[in-house]
Amino acid sequence: MQRGTLEVLLVSAKGLENTDLLSNMDPYAIITCRTQEKKSSVASGQGSEPEWNETFLFTISEGVTELKIKLMDSDNLTNDDFVGESTIPLGAVLAEGSVPIASYNVVKDDKYCGEIRIGLNFKREAGSDEGYYGQEESFGGWSQSSRDY
């Protein structure tokens, strides 16, 4: 069972469709890993080429296979606009421990609408991948109970 901490470096995006008619949009990202959700800062006035360079931490447990990133445009007087989203598979980072900064497609209505640059690191929790023999001591047993006599 893979358990540990996933570090997500949200670097930047490019080629996004500007959802504001009269000015540059103010994009931000909502990063979701299963039930955990984190929100980036708003890249005010940066339009279709925002830069964040922010790091987010997620607790990873068994069964987590992907990371979702939804890009939004912050609006003051109306609801925020949906810009696009990206789904990032986590298999490589869980196996290797890190994935260098790479670009992932952002899609909206099944159409390409830009790229997002993300770096990933995974720090495995001690003992999370060990088999029965690695866990034996943590559950007690004859060697621990014999110390009590």
Protein backbone atom coordinates (compact mmCIF):
# COMPACT_ATOMS: atom_id res chain seq x y z
CA MET A 1 0.00 0.00 0.00
CA GLN A 2 1.47 3.35 -1.08
CA ARG A 3 1.15 6.06 1.54
CA GLY A 4 3.02 9.29 1.85
CA THR A 5 3.12 12.94 0.89
CA LEU A 6 2.71 14.25 -2.64
CA GLU A 7 4.31 17.62 -3.34
CA VAL A 8 2.82 19.45 -6.32
CA LEU A 9 4.75 22.38 -7.79
CA LEU A 10 2.32 24.50 -9.79
CA VAL A 11 4.62 26.43 -12.12
CA SER A 12 2.68 28.13 -14.90
CA ALA A 13 0.24 27.80 -17.78
CA LYS A 14 0.31 28.96 -21.38
CA GLY A 15 -2.01 29.22 -24.33
CA LEU A 16 -5.14 29.51 -22.20
CA GLU A 17 -8.26 31.03 -23.73
CA ASN A 18 -8.89 34.47 -22.26
CA THR A 19 -12.41 34.42 -20.80
CA ASP A 20 -12.50 38.19 -20.13
CA LEU A 21 -13.61 40.38 -23.02
CA LEU A 22 -12.24 43.75 -21.95
CA SER A 23 -9.11 42.85 -19.97
CA ASN A 24 -6.71 40.06 -19.12
CA MET A 25 -8.20 37.27 -17.04
CA ASP A 26 -7.09 36.56 -13.47
CA PRO A 27 -6.48 32.79 -13.43
CA TYR A 28 -6.14 30.51 -10.44
CA ALA A 29 -5.99 26.74 -10.03
CA ILE A 30 -7.98 24.34 -7.88
CA ILE A 31 -5.94 21.17 -7.32
CA THR A 32 -7.82 18.08 -6.19
CA CYS A 33 -6.44 14.76 -5.00
CA ARG A 34 -9.35 12.50 -4.08
CA THR A 35 -11.14 14.48 -1.32
CA GLN A 36 -8.35 16.98 -0.65
CA GLU A 37 -8.61 20.33 -2.41
CA LYS A 38 -6.13 23.24 -2.53
CA LYS A 39 -6.48 26.60 -4.24
CA SER A 40 -3.61 28.63 -5.71
CA SER A 41 -3.29 32.37 -5.48
CA VAL A 42 -4.93 34.45 -8.22
CA ALA A 43 -2.47 35.46 -10.95
CA SER A 44 -3.99 38.94 -11.26
CA GLY A 45 -3.93 40.36 -14.78
CA GLN A 46 -1.63 37.64 -16.12
CA GLY A 47 -4.14 36.50 -18.74
CA SER A 48 -3.43 33.37 -20.77
CA GLU A 49 0.21 33.01 -19.58
CA PRO A 50 0.00 32.94 -15.74
CA GLU A 51 2.88 32.03 -13.43
CA TRP A 52 2.39 30.81 -9.86
CA ASN A 53 5.47 28.88 -8.67
CA GLU A 54 3.54 27.58 -5.66
CA THR A 55 3.89 24.28 -3.83
CA PHE A 56 1.01 22.23 -2.41
CA LEU A 57 1.14 19.11 -0.21
CA PHE A 58 -1.32 16.23 -0.31
CA THR A 59 -1.56 13.11 1.85
CA ILE A 60 -1.60 10.03 -0.39
CA SER A 61 -3.24 6.77 0.62
CA GLU A 62 -4.10 3.54 -1.16
CA GLY A 63 -6.07 3.84 -4.37
CA VAL A 64 -5.03 7.37 -5.36
CA THR A 65 -4.27 7.31 -9.09
CA GLU A 66 -4.64 10.85 -10.37
CA LEU A 67 -4.50 14.55 -9.65
CA LYS A 68 -7.05 16.96 -11.11
CA ILE A 69 -6.34 20.61 -11.79
CA LYS A 70 -9.16 22.96 -12.67
CA LEU A 71 -8.25 26.41 -13.97
CA MET A 72 -10.63 29.25 -13.21
CA ASP A 73 -10.79 32.98 -13.96
CA SER A 74 -11.49 35.11 -10.91
CA ASP A 75 -14.22 37.70 -11.51
CA ASN A 76 -15.32 40.40 -9.08
CA LEU A 77 -18.94 41.04 -10.10
CA THR A 78 -19.95 37.67 -11.58
CA ASN A 79 -19.26 34.00 -10.94
CA ASP A 80 -15.73 32.83 -11.71
CA ASP A 81 -15.34 31.41 -15.23
CA PHE A 82 -14.19 27.86 -15.95
CA VAL A 83 -11.07 27.99 -18.17
CA GLY A 84 -10.24 24.28 -18.48
CA GLU A 85 -8.91 21.27 -16.60
CA SER A 86 -6.16 18.70 -16.63
CA THR A 87 -5.99 15.18 -15.20
CA ILE A 88 -2.50 14.02 -14.26
CA PRO A 89 -1.82 10.30 -13.70
CA LEU A 90 0.25 9.63 -10.58
CA GLY A 91 1.61 6.17 -11.42
CA ALA A 92 5.06 7.42 -12.48
CA VAL A 93 5.64 9.67 -9.45
CA LEU A 94 4.44 6.98 -7.02
CA ALA A 95 6.85 4.48 -8.57
CA GLU A 96 9.85 6.77 -9.15
CA GLY A 97 9.52 9.30 -6.32
CA SER A 98 9.65 12.35 -8.59
CA VAL A 99 8.63 13.57 -12.01
CA PRO A 100 10.43 16.64 -13.40
CA ILE A 101 8.45 19.72 -14.37
CA ALA A 102 6.40 18.83 -17.44
CA SER A 103 3.54 20.25 -19.49
CA TYR A 104 0.09 18.69 -19.41
CA ASN A 105 -2.81 19.48 -21.74
CA VAL A 106 -5.67 21.62 -20.45
CA VAL A 107 -9.02 20.69 -21.98
CA LYS A 108 -12.48 22.23 -22.01
CA ASP A 109 -15.43 20.42 -23.60
CA ASP A 110 -12.99 17.74 -24.85
CA LYS A 111 -10.96 20.35 -26.77
CA TYR A 112 -7.35 21.38 -26.20
CA CYS A 113 -7.19 24.87 -24.70
CA GLY A 114 -3.65 25.31 -23.39
CA GLU A 115 -1.01 23.71 -21.19
CA ILE A 116 -0.16 23.68 -17.52
CA ARG A 117 3.34 23.05 -16.14
CA ILE A 118 3.58 20.90 -13.02
CA GLY A 119 6.39 19.20 -11.08
CA LEU A 120 5.70 16.26 -8.75
CA ASN A 121 7.56 14.67 -5.83
CA PHE A 122 6.38 11.79 -3.66
CA LYS A 123 7.84 11.01 -0.25
CA ARG A 124 6.84 7.52 0.80
CA GLU A 125 5.76 7.04 4.40
CA ALA A 126 8.19 4.76 6.24
CA GLY A 127 6.96 1.18 6.15
CA SER A 128 4.08 1.85 3.76
CA ASP A 129 5.33 -0.64 1.15
CA GLU A 130 6.70 -3.32 3.47
CA GLY A 131 5.21 -6.77 3.53
CA TYR A 132 4.22 -8.85 6.52
CA TYR A 133 7.76 -9.25 7.83
CA GLY A 134 8.40 -5.50 7.87
CA GLN A 135 5.24 -4.87 9.87
CA GLU A 136 5.53 -7.71 12.38
CA GLU A 137 7.16 -5.64 15.13
CA SER A 138 4.62 -2.82 14.94
CA PHE A 139 1.74 -5.15 15.87
CA GLY A 140 3.39 -6.62 18.95
CA GLY A 141 3.73 -10.34 19.35
CA TRP A 142 5.79 -12.73 21.40
CA SER A 143 8.96 -10.57 21.36
CA GLN A 144 7.14 -7.55 22.75
CA SER A 145 4.90 -9.35 25.20
CA SER A 146 7.80 -11.31 26.65
CA ARG A 147 9.38 -8.03 27.80
CA ASP A 148 6.44 -7.43 30.12
CA TYR A 149 7.23 -10.52 32.26
